[in-house]
């Protein structure tokens, strides 16, 4: 069975976030795919994984949690940097 989780996130920093997160997607777990792109100030992410046992579900969840944490941290940082430059 394959499970996919789709994330759509609105942000003025969509391009910067996607470019920053893509770098981390080098060594992903076996059976997992991560697709990311951005358009019109939106981040689109799809994380899919072949589920062979319960452990795979936890791996998928943890990966999605980590991606969301990165997005939030990046947006906070970029917002602070933009305010300082104004």
Protein backbone atom coordinates (compact mmCIF):
# COMPACT_ATOMS: atom_id res chain seq x y z
CA UNK A 1 0.00 0.00 0.00
CA UNK A 2 1.21 3.51 -0.77
CA UNK A 3 0.35 6.54 1.35
CA UNK A 4 0.76 10.14 0.18
CA UNK A 5 0.57 13.32 2.22
CA UNK A 6 0.15 16.63 0.43
CA UNK A 7 1.07 19.95 1.99
CA UNK A 8 0.16 23.37 0.61
CA UNK A 9 1.59 26.37 2.43
CA UNK A 10 0.97 30.03 1.58
CA UNK A 11 3.96 32.29 2.09
CA UNK A 12 5.70 35.18 0.34
CA UNK A 13 8.92 33.16 0.75
CA UNK A 14 7.77 30.09 -1.21
CA UNK A 15 10.76 30.01 -3.58
CA UNK A 16 13.31 30.43 -0.78
CA UNK A 17 11.67 27.76 1.35
CA UNK A 18 11.50 25.18 -1.44
CA UNK A 19 15.12 25.81 -2.43
CA UNK A 20 16.26 25.50 1.19
CA UNK A 21 14.34 22.31 1.92
CA UNK A 22 15.26 20.55 -1.33
CA UNK A 23 18.87 20.39 -0.16
CA UNK A 24 17.86 18.07 2.70
CA UNK A 25 16.20 15.49 0.46
CA UNK A 26 19.35 13.57 -0.39
CA UNK A 27 19.18 10.50 1.84
CA UNK A 28 15.50 9.70 2.19
CA UNK A 29 14.21 6.33 3.42
CA UNK A 30 13.77 3.46 0.99
CA UNK A 31 10.35 3.52 -0.69
CA UNK A 32 9.79 7.25 -0.02
CA UNK A 33 9.51 10.04 -2.58
CA UNK A 34 9.36 13.76 -1.89
CA UNK A 35 8.23 16.21 -4.56
CA UNK A 36 8.35 19.96 -4.00
CA UNK A 37 7.62 23.03 -6.03
CA UNK A 38 6.35 26.55 -5.61
CA UNK A 39 4.01 28.79 -7.53
CA UNK A 40 2.18 32.02 -6.78
CA UNK A 41 3.50 32.33 -3.21
CA UNK A 42 2.57 28.74 -2.37
CA UNK A 43 4.71 25.78 -1.42
CA UNK A 44 3.47 22.42 -2.71
CA UNK A 45 4.93 19.28 -1.17
CA UNK A 46 3.93 15.66 -1.64
CA UNK A 47 5.54 12.96 0.47
CA UNK A 48 4.72 9.37 -0.56
CA UNK A 49 5.87 6.07 0.83
CA UNK A 50 5.29 2.39 0.22
CA UNK A 51 3.96 1.03 3.50
CA UNK A 52 5.24 -2.47 4.17
CA UNK A 53 4.89 -2.40 7.96
CA UNK A 54 3.80 -0.08 10.77
CA UNK A 55 7.31 1.34 11.12
CA UNK A 56 6.98 2.91 7.66
CA UNK A 57 3.93 4.90 8.78
CA UNK A 58 5.94 6.41 11.64
CA UNK A 59 8.81 7.21 9.27
CA UNK A 60 6.40 9.00 6.93
CA UNK A 61 4.85 10.96 9.79
CA UNK A 62 8.23 11.95 11.21
CA UNK A 63 9.44 13.11 7.79
CA UNK A 64 6.36 15.29 7.28
CA UNK A 65 6.73 16.71 10.81
CA UNK A 66 10.35 17.59 10.10
CA UNK A 67 9.45 19.30 6.81
CA UNK A 68 6.77 21.37 8.55
CA UNK A 69 9.21 22.38 11.30
CA UNK A 70 11.72 23.49 8.65
CA UNK A 71 9.07 25.55 6.85
CA UNK A 72 8.01 27.33 10.05
CA UNK A 73 11.61 28.03 11.09
CA UNK A 74 12.55 29.31 7.63
CA UNK A 75 9.54 31.60 7.42
CA UNK A 76 10.21 33.08 10.87
CA UNK A 77 13.86 33.67 10.00
CA UNK A 78 13.10 35.22 6.60
CA UNK A 79 10.43 37.45 8.13
CA UNK A 80 12.88 38.75 10.75
CA UNK A 81 15.57 39.36 8.13
CA UNK A 82 13.16 41.22 5.89
CA UNK A 83 12.02 43.45 8.76
CA UNK A 84 15.63 44.27 9.69
CA UNK A 85 16.40 45.32 6.11
CA UNK A 86 13.38 47.65 5.93
